[in-house]
Amino acid sequence: MTTPGRTCPRRYRTQPDALAGAADVTAEIIYVVGGLYGNVAALAAVQTRAEQEREAGRPAPVFVFNGDFNWFNATTDAFRAINEAVFDHWTLQGNVEAELGAPTPGAGCGCAYPDSVSDERVDASNRIMERLQAVARQGPDWTDALADPPLQLTAEVGSACIGIIHSDPDRLAGWGLAVKQMPPPGTTPPNVARWFRAAEVDGFACTHTCLPHLQDFTVDGTRRLVVNNGAAGMPNFRGGRTGAITRISTQAAPFDVLYDTTLKDVHCEAVGVECTPADWLTWFEETWPPGPPAWTNYRNRLLDGPAHIRADAIRLQRDS
């Protein structure tokens, strides 16, 4: 028996070894923008960061939207604004885009929520998806465009090879790289070693699970890295209103970052983006009035952040 919102459809399966080989993208600076969640204010903040790079004499960052760039944008105008902007860049499907482009019977929102997530929250997410699907059907070729992006890609920055995925290397909606699934720093479980060996990458950049973290591993004597940006379009830390993206570059950012490390000759940084200014919160409350689904599920996080602090996100080995 399948439960909508908890099921991971068969077509969501991915192969980590598909990341091995020639890079799809080569750049000096890449912004991995996961979990934009239809937030136009967060998108503007990401674009502002790119402008700060240019003002500092850096090359224009290459944007990779690695899924779930739709969610709160459940009006025709907001849906158009997000997707027209995002499709000017590299995009990957997340489970949201997969279920907007070609809905899977019985999948609901496609999030494949674990048992730790309440039935009420899962049901609310399914209802958000139903509303979004109705909006997606209104636009010219919107569903076709959302079904078209790949599920993963490989990027080359400096001497580092990065596998950019939505969730984990085995599934589009997997939870294997969620912070709650991570082992103690300094240890490398067999499944993580298997992923790195198969993909032949130095790092994985992912999102999906909504809480950010940065953790390194040793595989075959070589340091590897997982960087999960949490969400660009929602606050990531308790008491804050800052979304996060992953910046991967041969040069350090020309602005303050949330936390960072280096991998080979590359800087891997969590960059904060303002995601809940007052005017956007007003729009959210008009679009999703009090009660389920979105108000109940997300308003507290949008105002006060999740129960996650920055120290929870930094999971590096002591000698890194």
C-alpha atoms as a PDB file:
ATOM      1  CA  MET A   1       0.000   0.000   0.000  1.00  0.00           C
ATOM      2  CA  THR A   2       1.305   3.444  -0.937  1.00  0.00           C
ATOM      3  CA  THR A   3       0.647   6.612   1.030  1.00  0.00           C
ATOM      4  CA  PRO A   4       0.582   9.888  -0.940  1.00  0.00           C
ATOM      5  CA  GLY A   5       3.435  12.100   0.194  1.00  0.00           C
ATOM      6  CA  ARG A   6       5.398   9.215   1.705  1.00  0.00           C
ATOM      7  CA  THR A   7       5.947   7.251  -1.502  1.00  0.00           C
ATOM      8  CA  CYS A   8       9.094   7.520  -3.615  1.00  0.00           C
ATOM      9  CA  PRO A   9       8.003   6.612  -7.166  1.00  0.00           C
ATOM     10  CA  ARG A  10      10.067   4.125  -9.138  1.00  0.00           C
ATOM     11  CA  ARG A  11      10.864   6.775 -11.735  1.00  0.00           C
ATOM     12  CA  TYR A  12      12.635   8.795  -9.021  1.00  0.00           C
ATOM     13  CA  ARG A  13      15.483   6.294  -8.900  1.00  0.00           C
ATOM     14  CA  THR A  14      18.841   7.685  -9.964  1.00  0.00           C
ATOM     15  CA  GLN A  15      22.242   6.157 -10.586  1.00  0.00           C
ATOM     16  CA  PRO A  16      25.267   7.730  -8.878  1.00  0.00           C
ATOM     17  CA  ASP A  17      27.566   6.346 -11.573  1.00  0.00           C
ATOM     18  CA  ALA A  18      25.725   8.519 -14.110  1.00  0.00           C
ATOM     19  CA  LEU A  19      27.600  11.458 -12.550  1.00  0.00           C
ATOM     20  CA  ALA A  20      30.977   9.986 -13.490  1.00  0.00           C
ATOM     21  CA  GLY A  21      32.698  11.239 -16.615  1.00  0.00           C
ATOM     22  CA  ALA A  22      32.816  14.625 -18.315  1.00  0.00           C
ATOM     23  CA  ALA A  23      31.369  17.616 -16.481  1.00  0.00           C
ATOM     24  CA  ASP A  24      28.113  19.146 -17.674  1.00  0.00           C
ATOM     25  CA  VAL A  25      29.076  22.574 -16.315  1.00  0.00           C
ATOM     26  CA  THR A  26      32.477  24.223 -15.891  1.00  0.00           C
ATOM     27  CA  ALA A  27      32.662  27.539 -14.050  1.00  0.00           C
ATOM     28  CA  GLU A  28      34.729  29.668 -11.686  1.00  0.00           C
ATOM     29  CA  ILE A  29      31.714  30.371  -9.473  1.00  0.00           C
ATOM     30  CA  ILE A  30      28.587  28.246  -9.113  1.00  0.00           C
ATOM     31  CA  TYR A  31      25.561  29.099  -7.012  1.00  0.00           C
ATOM     32  CA  VAL A  32      23.579  25.985  -6.100  1.00  0.00           C
ATOM     33  CA  VAL A  33      20.096  27.301  -5.363  1.00  0.00           C
ATOM     34  CA  GLY A  34      18.080  24.472  -3.863  1.00  0.00           C
ATOM     35  CA  GLY A  35      14.634  24.816  -2.356  1.00  0.00           C
ATOM     36  CA  LEU A  36      13.727  28.256  -3.667  1.00  0.00           C
ATOM     37  CA  TYR A  37      10.122  27.249  -2.954  1.00  0.00           C
ATOM     38  CA  GLY A  38       8.573  29.821  -5.257  1.00  0.00           C
ATOM     39  CA  ASN A  39       9.888  32.716  -3.180  1.00  0.00           C
ATOM     40  CA  VAL A  40      10.445  35.725  -5.457  1.00  0.00           C
ATOM     41  CA  ALA A  41      12.083  37.707  -2.635  1.00  0.00           C
ATOM     42  CA  ALA A  42      14.684  34.991  -2.147  1.00  0.00           C
ATOM     43  CA  LEU A  43      15.293  34.890  -5.900  1.00  0.00           C
ATOM     44  CA  ALA A  44      15.931  38.646  -5.876  1.00  0.00           C
ATOM     45  CA  ALA A  45      18.348  38.199  -2.963  1.00  0.00           C
ATOM     46  CA  VAL A  46      20.289  35.539  -4.883  1.00  0.00           C
ATOM     47  CA  GLN A  47      20.503  37.889  -7.855  1.00  0.00           C
ATOM     48  CA  THR A  48      21.780  40.621  -5.530  1.00  0.00           C
ATOM     49  CA  ARG A  49      24.576  38.315  -4.364  1.00  0.00           C
ATOM     50  CA  ALA A  50      25.554  37.755  -7.994  1.00  0.00           C
ATOM     51  CA  GLU A  51      25.670  41.514  -8.547  1.00  0.00           C
ATOM     52  CA  GLN A  52      27.966  41.866  -5.524  1.00  0.00           C
ATOM     53  CA  GLU A  53      30.311  39.381  -7.189  1.00  0.00           C
ATOM     54  CA  ARG A  54      30.395  41.448 -10.366  1.00  0.00           C
ATOM     55  CA  GLU A  55      30.997  44.657  -8.411  1.00  0.00           C
ATOM     56  CA  ALA A  56      33.995  42.942  -6.801  1.00  0.00           C
ATOM     57  CA  GLY A  57      35.412  42.128 -10.229  1.00  0.00           C
ATOM     58  CA  ARG A  58      34.438  38.463 -10.170  1.00  0.00           C
ATOM     59  CA  PRO A  59      32.944  36.580 -13.109  1.00  0.00           C
ATOM     60  CA  ALA A  60      29.191  36.172 -13.185  1.00  0.00           C
ATOM     61  CA  PRO A  61      28.162  33.128 -11.143  1.00  0.00           C
ATOM     62  CA  VAL A  62      26.566  30.199 -12.912  1.00  0.00           C
ATOM     63  CA  PHE A  63      23.235  29.419 -11.241  1.00  0.00           C
ATOM     64  CA  VAL A  64      22.083  25.824 -10.816  1.00  0.00           C
ATOM     65  CA  PHE A  65      18.556  25.517  -9.442  1.00  0.00           C
ATOM     66  CA  ASN A  66      18.643  21.947  -8.169  1.00  0.00           C
ATOM     67  CA  GLY A  67      14.948  21.426  -7.651  1.00  0.00           C
ATOM     68  CA  ASP A  68      11.946  22.516  -5.619  1.00  0.00           C
ATOM     69  CA  PHE A  69      12.056  26.006  -7.066  1.00  0.00           C
ATOM     70  CA  ASN A  70       8.244  25.964  -6.999  1.00  0.00           C
ATOM     71  CA  TRP A  71       6.020  25.672  -3.909  1.00  0.00           C
ATOM     72  CA  PHE A  72       4.547  28.852  -2.450  1.00  0.00           C
ATOM     73  CA  ASN A  73       4.036  30.464  -5.894  1.00  0.00           C
ATOM     74  CA  ALA A  74       0.467  29.236  -6.266  1.00  0.00           C
ATOM     75  CA  THR A  75      -0.846  32.115  -8.380  1.00  0.00           C
ATOM     76  CA  THR A  76      -0.479  32.433 -12.123  1.00  0.00           C
ATOM     77  CA  ASP A  77       1.631  35.591 -11.882  1.00  0.00           C
ATOM     78  CA  ALA A  78       3.962  34.213  -9.215  1.00  0.00           C
ATOM     79  CA  PHE A  79       4.289  30.885 -11.005  1.00  0.00           C
ATOM     80  CA  ARG A  80       5.201  32.623 -14.240  1.00  0.00           C
ATOM     81  CA  ALA A  81       7.692  34.950 -12.519  1.00  0.00           C
ATOM     82  CA  ILE A  82       9.599  32.130 -10.846  1.00  0.00           C
ATOM     83  CA  ASN A  83       9.719  29.748 -13.772  1.00  0.00           C
ATOM     84  CA  GLU A  84      10.566  32.316 -16.433  1.00  0.00           C
ATOM     85  CA  ALA A  85      13.500  33.465 -14.298  1.00  0.00           C
ATOM     86  CA  VAL A  86      14.720  30.011 -13.316  1.00  0.00           C
ATOM     87  CA  PHE A  87      14.625  28.538 -16.807  1.00  0.00           C
ATOM     88  CA  ASP A  88      17.176  31.104 -17.960  1.00  0.00           C
ATOM     89  CA  HIS A  89      19.705  29.042 -15.962  1.00  0.00           C
ATOM     90  CA  TRP A  90      20.724  25.449 -15.324  1.00  0.00           C
ATOM     91  CA  THR A  91      17.860  23.576 -13.692  1.00  0.00           C
ATOM     92  CA  LEU A  92      17.285  20.159 -12.181  1.00  0.00           C
ATOM     93  CA  GLN A  93      13.977  18.608 -11.304  1.00  0.00           C
ATOM     94  CA  GLY A  94      13.086  18.252  -7.687  1.00  0.00           C
ATOM     95  CA  ASN A  95      10.163  16.137  -6.606  1.00  0.00           C
ATOM     96  CA  VAL A  96       7.973  19.247  -6.827  1.00  0.00           C
ATOM     97  CA  GLU A  97       8.804  19.802 -10.492  1.00  0.00           C
ATOM     98  CA  ALA A  98       8.498  16.065 -11.207  1.00  0.00           C
ATOM     99  CA  GLU A  99       4.948  16.025  -9.844  1.00  0.00           C
ATOM    100  CA  LEU A 100       4.037  19.263 -11.618  1.00  0.00           C
ATOM    101  CA  GLY A 101       5.397  18.148 -14.978  1.00  0.00           C
ATOM    102  CA  ALA A 102       4.110  14.570 -14.986  1.00  0.00           C
ATOM    103  CA  PRO A 103       2.150  13.688 -11.837  1.00  0.00           C
ATOM    104  CA  THR A 104       2.600  10.149 -10.535  1.00  0.00           C
ATOM    105  CA  PRO A 105      -0.670   8.504  -9.427  1.00  0.00           C
ATOM    106  CA  GLY A 106      -0.601   8.103  -5.660  1.00  0.00           C
ATOM    107  CA  ALA A 107       2.614  10.090  -5.114  1.00  0.00           C
ATOM    108  CA  GLY A 108       0.987  13.207  -3.697  1.00  0.00           C
ATOM    109  CA  CYS A 109       3.645  15.879  -3.238  1.00  0.00           C
ATOM    110  CA  GLY A 110       6.417  13.397  -4.039  1.00  0.00           C
ATOM    111  CA  CYS A 111       8.399  14.350  -0.931  1.00  0.00           C
ATOM    112  CA  ALA A 112       8.696  10.721   0.292  1.00  0.00           C
ATOM    113  CA  TYR A 113       8.460  11.969   3.880  1.00  0.00           C
ATOM    114  CA  PRO A 114       9.890   9.655   6.562  1.00  0.00           C
ATOM    115  CA  ASP A 115       7.817   8.415   9.499  1.00  0.00           C
ATOM    116  CA  SER A 116       9.188  11.212  11.691  1.00  0.00           C
ATOM    117  CA  VAL A 117       7.003  13.701   9.777  1.00  0.00           C
ATOM    118  CA  SER A 118       3.396  13.859  10.989  1.00  0.00           C
ATOM    119  CA  ASP A 119       0.472  12.702   8.861  1.00  0.00           C
ATOM    120  CA  GLU A 120      -1.024  16.181   9.161  1.00  0.00           C
ATOM    121  CA  ARG A 121       2.064  17.767   7.665  1.00  0.00           C
ATOM    122  CA  VAL A 122       2.170  15.230   4.847  1.00  0.00           C
ATOM    123  CA  ASP A 123      -1.498  15.832   4.059  1.00  0.00           C
ATOM    124  CA  ALA A 124      -0.932  19.591   3.967  1.00  0.00           C
ATOM    125  CA  SER A 125       1.958  19.156   1.523  1.00  0.00           C
ATOM    126  CA  ASN A 126      -0.240  17.028  -0.717  1.00  0.00           C
ATOM    127  CA  ARG A 127      -2.859  19.780  -0.733  1.00  0.00           C
ATOM    128  CA  ILE A 128      -0.259  22.410  -1.648  1.00  0.00           C
ATOM    129  CA  MET A 129       0.804  20.202  -4.556  1.00  0.00           C
ATOM    130  CA  GLU A 130      -2.787  19.865  -5.771  1.00  0.00           C
ATOM    131  CA  ARG A 131      -3.161  23.633  -5.861  1.00  0.00           C
ATOM    132  CA  LEU A 132       0.165  24.068  -7.650  1.00  0.00           C
ATOM    133  CA  GLN A 133      -0.740  21.418 -10.214  1.00  0.00           C
ATOM    134  CA  ALA A 134      -3.900  23.346 -11.040  1.00  0.00           C
ATOM    135  CA  VAL A 135      -1.829  26.495 -11.601  1.00  0.00           C
ATOM    136  CA  ALA A 136       0.757  24.666 -13.729  1.00  0.00           C
ATOM    137  CA  ARG A 137      -1.960  23.402 -16.056  1.00  0.00           C
ATOM    138  CA  GLN A 138      -3.038  26.976 -16.827  1.00  0.00           C
ATOM    139  CA  GLY A 139       0.171  28.096 -18.542  1.00  0.00           C
ATOM    140  CA  PRO A 140       1.367  27.465 -22.074  1.00  0.00           C
ATOM    141  CA  ASP A 141       3.738  24.479 -22.014  1.00  0.00           C
ATOM    142  CA  TRP A 142       4.468  24.886 -18.296  1.00  0.00           C
ATOM    143  CA  THR A 143       4.040  21.204 -17.509  1.00  0.00           C
ATOM    144  CA  ASP A 144       6.229  20.195 -20.463  1.00  0.00           C
ATOM    145  CA  ALA A 145       8.980  22.576 -19.349  1.00  0.00           C
ATOM    146  CA  LEU A 146       8.870  21.268 -15.781  1.00  0.00           C
ATOM    147  CA  ALA A 147       9.127  17.651 -16.919  1.00  0.00           C
ATOM    148  CA  ASP A 148      12.165  18.356 -19.101  1.00  0.00           C
ATOM    149  CA  PRO A 149      15.165  19.089 -16.781  1.00  0.00           C
ATOM    150  CA  PRO A 150      17.535  16.288 -15.764  1.00  0.00           C
ATOM    151  CA  LEU A 151      17.660  14.893 -12.238  1.00  0.00           C
ATOM    152  CA  GLN A 152      21.389  15.466 -11.648  1.00  0.00           C
ATOM    153  CA  LEU A 153      24.488  16.955 -13.227  1.00  0.00           C
ATOM    154  CA  THR A 154      28.230  17.171 -12.719  1.00  0.00           C
ATOM    155  CA  ALA A 155      30.086  20.471 -12.328  1.00  0.00           C
ATOM    156  CA  GLU A 156      33.792  21.217 -12.502  1.00  0.00           C
ATOM    157  CA  VAL A 157      35.126  24.115 -10.450  1.00  0.00           C
ATOM    158  CA  GLY A 158      38.888  24.435 -10.274  1.00  0.00           C
ATOM    159  CA  SER A 159      40.218  20.925  -9.738  1.00  0.00           C
ATOM    160  CA  ALA A 160      37.083  19.774  -7.894  1.00  0.00           C
ATOM    161  CA  CYS A 161      34.329  17.689  -9.423  1.00  0.00           C
ATOM    162  CA  ILE A 162      30.930  18.231  -7.795  1.00  0.00           C
ATOM    163  CA  GLY A 163      27.836  16.095  -8.251  1.00  0.00           C
ATOM    164  CA  ILE A 164      24.815  18.388  -8.047  1.00  0.00           C
ATOM    165  CA  ILE A 165      21.697  16.461  -7.091  1.00  0.00           C
ATOM    166  CA  HIS A 166      18.341  17.187  -5.518  1.00  0.00           C
ATOM    167  CA  SER A 167      18.372  14.808  -2.569  1.00  0.00           C
ATOM    168  CA  ASP A 168      20.648  11.773  -2.401  1.00  0.00           C
ATOM    169  CA  PRO A 169      22.480   9.931  -5.186  1.00  0.00           C
ATOM    170  CA  ASP A 170      20.029   6.996  -5.273  1.00  0.00           C
ATOM    171  CA  ARG A 171      16.665   8.780  -5.400  1.00  0.00           C
ATOM    172  CA  LEU A 172      15.178  12.077  -6.423  1.00  0.00           C
ATOM    173  CA  ALA A 173      13.333  12.302  -3.097  1.00  0.00           C
ATOM    174  CA  GLY A 174      15.753  10.394  -0.886  1.00  0.00           C
ATOM    175  CA  TRP A 175      16.614  11.408   2.658  1.00  0.00           C
ATOM    176  CA  GLY A 176      20.023   9.727   2.781  1.00  0.00           C
ATOM    177  CA  LEU A 177      21.864  13.072   2.963  1.00  0.00           C
ATOM    178  CA  ALA A 178      19.593  14.695   5.533  1.00  0.00           C
ATOM    179  CA  VAL A 179      21.444  16.079   8.533  1.00  0.00           C
ATOM    180  CA  LYS A 180      19.583  13.656  10.807  1.00  0.00           C
ATOM    181  CA  GLN A 181      20.964  10.758   8.760  1.00  0.00           C
ATOM    182  CA  MET A 182      24.568  11.911   8.946  1.00  0.00           C
ATOM    183  CA  PRO A 183      27.040   9.859  11.000  1.00  0.00           C
ATOM    184  CA  PRO A 184      29.285  11.448  13.634  1.00  0.00           C
ATOM    185  CA  PRO A 185      31.943  13.698  12.081  1.00  0.00           C
ATOM    186  CA  GLY A 186      35.062  11.761  11.210  1.00  0.00           C
ATOM    187  CA  THR A 187      33.231   8.579  10.228  1.00  0.00           C
ATOM    188  CA  THR A 188      32.252   7.369   6.763  1.00  0.00           C
ATOM    189  CA  PRO A 189      29.378   4.867   6.492  1.00  0.00           C
ATOM    190  CA  PRO A 190      29.442   2.300   3.667  1.00  0.00           C
ATOM    191  CA  ASN A 191      26.581   3.877   1.711  1.00  0.00           C
ATOM    192  CA  VAL A 192      28.344   7.258   1.582  1.00  0.00           C
ATOM    193  CA  ALA A 193      31.594   5.632   0.456  1.00  0.00           C
ATOM    194  CA  ARG A 194      29.657   3.717  -2.201  1.00  0.00           C
ATOM    195  CA  TRP A 195      28.096   6.922  -3.543  1.00  0.00           C
ATOM    196  CA  PHE A 196      31.421   8.705  -3.836  1.00  0.00           C
ATOM    197  CA  ARG A 197      33.142   5.759  -5.502  1.00  0.00           C
ATOM    198  CA  ALA A 198      30.338   5.282  -8.024  1.00  0.00           C
ATOM    199  CA  ALA A 199      29.961   8.968  -8.886  1.00  0.00           C
ATOM    200  CA  GLU A 200      33.709   9.668  -8.993  1.00  0.00           C
ATOM    201  CA  VAL A 201      33.154  13.130  -7.523  1.00  0.00           C
ATOM    202  CA  ASP A 202      34.855  15.116  -4.786  1.00  0.00           C
ATOM    203  CA  GLY A 203      31.623  16.475  -3.380  1.00  0.00           C
ATOM    204  CA  PHE A 204      27.846  16.307  -3.508  1.00  0.00           C
ATOM    205  CA  ALA A 205      25.757  19.500  -3.415  1.00  0.00           C
ATOM    206  CA  CYS A 206      22.160  18.731  -2.479  1.00  0.00           C
ATOM    207  CA  THR A 207      18.981  20.123  -0.905  1.00  0.00           C
ATOM    208  CA  HIS A 208      15.465  18.540  -0.445  1.00  0.00           C
ATOM    209  CA  THR A 209      15.555  17.915   3.305  1.00  0.00           C
ATOM    210  CA  CYS A 210      15.229  21.621   4.223  1.00  0.00           C
ATOM    211  CA  LEU A 211      17.951  21.768   6.901  1.00  0.00           C
ATOM    212  CA  PRO A 212      21.483  22.785   5.874  1.00  0.00           C
ATOM    213  CA  HIS A 213      24.721  21.092   6.780  1.00  0.00           C
ATOM    214  CA  LEU A 214      28.322  20.700   5.677  1.00  0.00           C
ATOM    215  CA  GLN A 215      30.127  17.429   6.388  1.00  0.00           C
ATOM    216  CA  ASP A 216      33.342  15.914   5.120  1.00  0.00           C
ATOM    217  CA  PHE A 217      34.308  12.260   4.796  1.00  0.00           C
ATOM    218  CA  THR A 218      37.390  10.234   3.980  1.00  0.00           C
ATOM    219  CA  VAL A 219      36.959   7.757   1.134  1.00  0.00           C
ATOM    220  CA  ASP A 220      39.942   5.748  -0.106  1.00  0.00           C
ATOM    221  CA  GLY A 221      42.264   8.160   1.685  1.00  0.00           C
ATOM    222  CA  THR A 222      40.778  11.226  -0.008  1.00  0.00           C
ATOM    223  CA  ARG A 223      38.696  13.964   1.601  1.00  0.00           C
ATOM    224  CA  ARG A 224      35.166  14.262   0.201  1.00  0.00           C
ATOM    225  CA  LEU A 225      32.370  16.683   1.028  1.00  0.00           C
ATOM    226  CA  VAL A 226      28.588  16.838   1.282  1.00  0.00           C
ATOM    227  CA  VAL A 227      27.044  20.300   1.335  1.00  0.00           C
ATOM    228  CA  ASN A 228      23.284  20.598   1.742  1.00  0.00           C
ATOM    229  CA  ASN A 229      22.003  24.165   1.436  1.00  0.00           C
ATOM    230  CA  GLY A 230      18.760  23.453   3.277  1.00  0.00           C
ATOM    231  CA  ALA A 231      16.469  25.962   1.590  1.00  0.00           C
ATOM    232  CA  ALA A 232      17.040  29.160  -0.337  1.00  0.00           C
ATOM    233  CA  GLY A 233      13.429  30.218   0.064  1.00  0.00           C
ATOM    234  CA  MET A 234      12.915  29.640   3.798  1.00  0.00           C
ATOM    235  CA  PRO A 235      14.854  30.537   6.959  1.00  0.00           C
ATOM    236  CA  ASN A 236      17.391  27.889   7.915  1.00  0.00           C
ATOM    237  CA  PHE A 237      18.278  28.669  11.516  1.00  0.00           C
ATOM    238  CA  ARG A 238      16.367  29.227  14.734  1.00  0.00           C
ATOM    239  CA  GLY A 239      15.421  32.842  15.308  1.00  0.00           C
ATOM    240  CA  GLY A 240      16.568  33.951  11.852  1.00  0.00           C
ATOM    241  CA  ARG A 241      15.068  34.835   8.498  1.00  0.00           C
ATOM    242  CA  THR A 242      17.928  33.908   6.219  1.00  0.00           C
ATOM    243  CA  GLY A 243      17.720  31.395   3.407  1.00  0.00           C
ATOM    244  CA  ALA A 244      20.902  29.722   2.200  1.00  0.00           C
ATOM    245  CA  ILE A 245      22.541  28.776  -1.069  1.00  0.00           C
ATOM    246  CA  THR A 246      25.771  26.912  -1.726  1.00  0.00           C
ATOM    247  CA  ARG A 247      28.583  28.871  -3.361  1.00  0.00           C
ATOM    248  CA  ILE A 248      31.395  26.836  -4.945  1.00  0.00           C
ATOM    249  CA  SER A 249      34.289  28.850  -6.352  1.00  0.00           C
ATOM    250  CA  THR A 250      38.007  29.093  -6.940  1.00  0.00           C
ATOM    251  CA  GLN A 251      37.916  32.376  -4.962  1.00  0.00           C
ATOM    252  CA  ALA A 252      36.451  33.163  -1.557  1.00  0.00           C
ATOM    253  CA  ALA A 253      33.239  35.178  -1.537  1.00  0.00           C
ATOM    254  CA  PRO A 254      33.584  38.980  -1.490  1.00  0.00           C
ATOM    255  CA  PHE A 255      31.018  39.122   1.333  1.00  0.00           C
ATOM    256  CA  ASP A 256      30.496  37.421   4.679  1.00  0.00           C
ATOM    257  CA  VAL A 257      29.256  33.831   4.549  1.00  0.00           C
ATOM    258  CA  LEU A 258      27.430  31.673   7.083  1.00  0.00           C
ATOM    259  CA  TYR A 259      30.157  29.003   7.191  1.00  0.00           C
ATOM    260  CA  ASP A 260      32.634  27.478   4.780  1.00  0.00           C
ATOM    261  CA  THR A 261      35.410  25.026   4.063  1.00  0.00           C
ATOM    262  CA  THR A 262      37.823  24.299   1.227  1.00  0.00           C
ATOM    263  CA  LEU A 263      37.916  21.232  -0.985  1.00  0.00           C
ATOM    264  CA  LYS A 264      41.097  20.881  -3.033  1.00  0.00           C
ATOM    265  CA  ASP A 265      41.549  24.409  -4.454  1.00  0.00           C
ATOM    266  CA  VAL A 266      37.879  25.333  -4.147  1.00  0.00           C
ATOM    267  CA  HIS A 267      35.897  27.300  -1.572  1.00  0.00           C
ATOM    268  CA  CYS A 268      32.575  25.712  -0.556  1.00  0.00           C
ATOM    269  CA  GLU A 269      30.474  28.280   1.283  1.00  0.00           C
ATOM    270  CA  ALA A 270      26.990  28.625   2.693  1.00  0.00           C
ATOM    271  CA  VAL A 271      25.754  32.053   1.629  1.00  0.00           C
ATOM    272  CA  GLY A 272      22.842  33.746   3.346  1.00  0.00           C
ATOM    273  CA  VAL A 273      20.027  35.308   1.327  1.00  0.00           C
ATOM    274  CA  GLU A 274      17.224  37.397   2.779  1.00  0.00           C
ATOM    275  CA  CYS A 275      14.064  35.434   2.099  1.00  0.00           C
ATOM    276  CA  THR A 276      11.211  36.814   4.209  1.00  0.00           C
ATOM    277  CA  PRO A 277      11.005  40.617   3.902  1.00  0.00           C
ATOM    278  CA  ALA A 278       7.782  42.221   5.089  1.00  0.00           C
ATOM    279  CA  ASP A 279       6.259  42.687   1.642  1.00  0.00           C
ATOM    280  CA  TRP A 280       6.790  39.050   0.724  1.00  0.00           C
ATOM    281  CA  LEU A 281       5.283  37.873   4.026  1.00  0.00           C
ATOM    282  CA  THR A 282       2.229  40.013   3.269  1.00  0.00           C
ATOM    283  CA  TRP A 283       1.959  38.339  -0.132  1.00  0.00           C
ATOM    284  CA  PHE A 284       2.310  34.904   1.479  1.00  0.00           C
ATOM    285  CA  GLU A 285      -0.471  35.594   3.964  1.00  0.00           C
ATOM    286  CA  GLU A 286      -2.754  36.833   1.193  1.00  0.00           C
ATOM    287  CA  THR A 287      -1.990  33.826  -0.988  1.00  0.00           C
ATOM    288  CA  TRP A 288      -2.109  31.256   1.812  1.00  0.00           C
ATOM    289  CA  PRO A 289      -4.593  32.500   4.446  1.00  0.00           C
ATOM    290  CA  PRO A 290      -4.713  31.163   8.027  1.00  0.00           C
ATOM    291  CA  GLY A 291      -5.246  27.432   8.390  1.00  0.00           C
ATOM    292  CA  PRO A 292      -3.998  24.540   6.322  1.00  0.00           C
ATOM    293  CA  PRO A 293      -2.195  23.834   4.164  1.00  0.00           C
ATOM    294  CA  ALA A 294       0.692  26.332   3.830  1.00  0.00           C
ATOM    295  CA  TRP A 295      -0.048  28.672   6.740  1.00  0.00           C
ATOM    296  CA  THR A 296      -0.187  25.750   9.160  1.00  0.00           C
ATOM    297  CA  ASN A 297       2.909  24.060   7.758  1.00  0.00           C
ATOM    298  CA  TYR A 298       5.212  26.994   7.164  1.00  0.00           C
ATOM    299  CA  ARG A 299       4.248  30.292   8.782  1.00  0.00           C
ATOM    300  CA  ASN A 300       6.154  29.665  12.022  1.00  0.00           C
ATOM    301  CA  ARG A 301       9.294  28.727  10.127  1.00  0.00           C
ATOM    302  CA  LEU A 302       9.010  31.765   7.874  1.00  0.00           C
ATOM    303  CA  LEU A 303       8.780  34.020  10.924  1.00  0.00           C
ATOM    304  CA  ASP A 304      11.158  32.333  13.381  1.00  0.00           C
ATOM    305  CA  GLY A 305      13.160  29.691  11.521  1.00  0.00           C
ATOM    306  CA  PRO A 306      13.376  25.966  12.332  1.00  0.00           C
ATOM    307  CA  ALA A 307      14.793  24.326  15.453  1.00  0.00           C
ATOM    308  CA  HIS A 308      18.252  24.225  13.850  1.00  0.00           C
ATOM    309  CA  ILE A 309      21.296  26.292  14.778  1.00  0.00           C
ATOM    310  CA  ARG A 310      24.458  27.024  12.850  1.00  0.00           C
ATOM    311  CA  ALA A 311      26.517  24.700  15.035  1.00  0.00           C
ATOM    312  CA  ASP A 312      24.230  21.847  13.969  1.00  0.00           C
ATOM    313  CA  ALA A 313      25.156  22.508  10.349  1.00  0.00           C
ATOM    314  CA  ILE A 314      28.955  22.527  10.652  1.00  0.00           C
ATOM    315  CA  ARG A 315      29.990  18.879  10.806  1.00  0.00           C
ATOM    316  CA  LEU A 316      33.625  18.901   9.735  1.00  0.00           C
ATOM    317  CA  GLN A 317      36.406  16.638  10.951  1.00  0.00           C
ATOM    318  CA  ARG A 318      38.574  18.397  13.523  1.00  0.00           C
ATOM    319  CA  ASP A 319      41.628  18.541  11.286  1.00  0.00           C
ATOM    320  CA  SER A 320      39.729  19.899   8.255  1.00  0.00           C
END
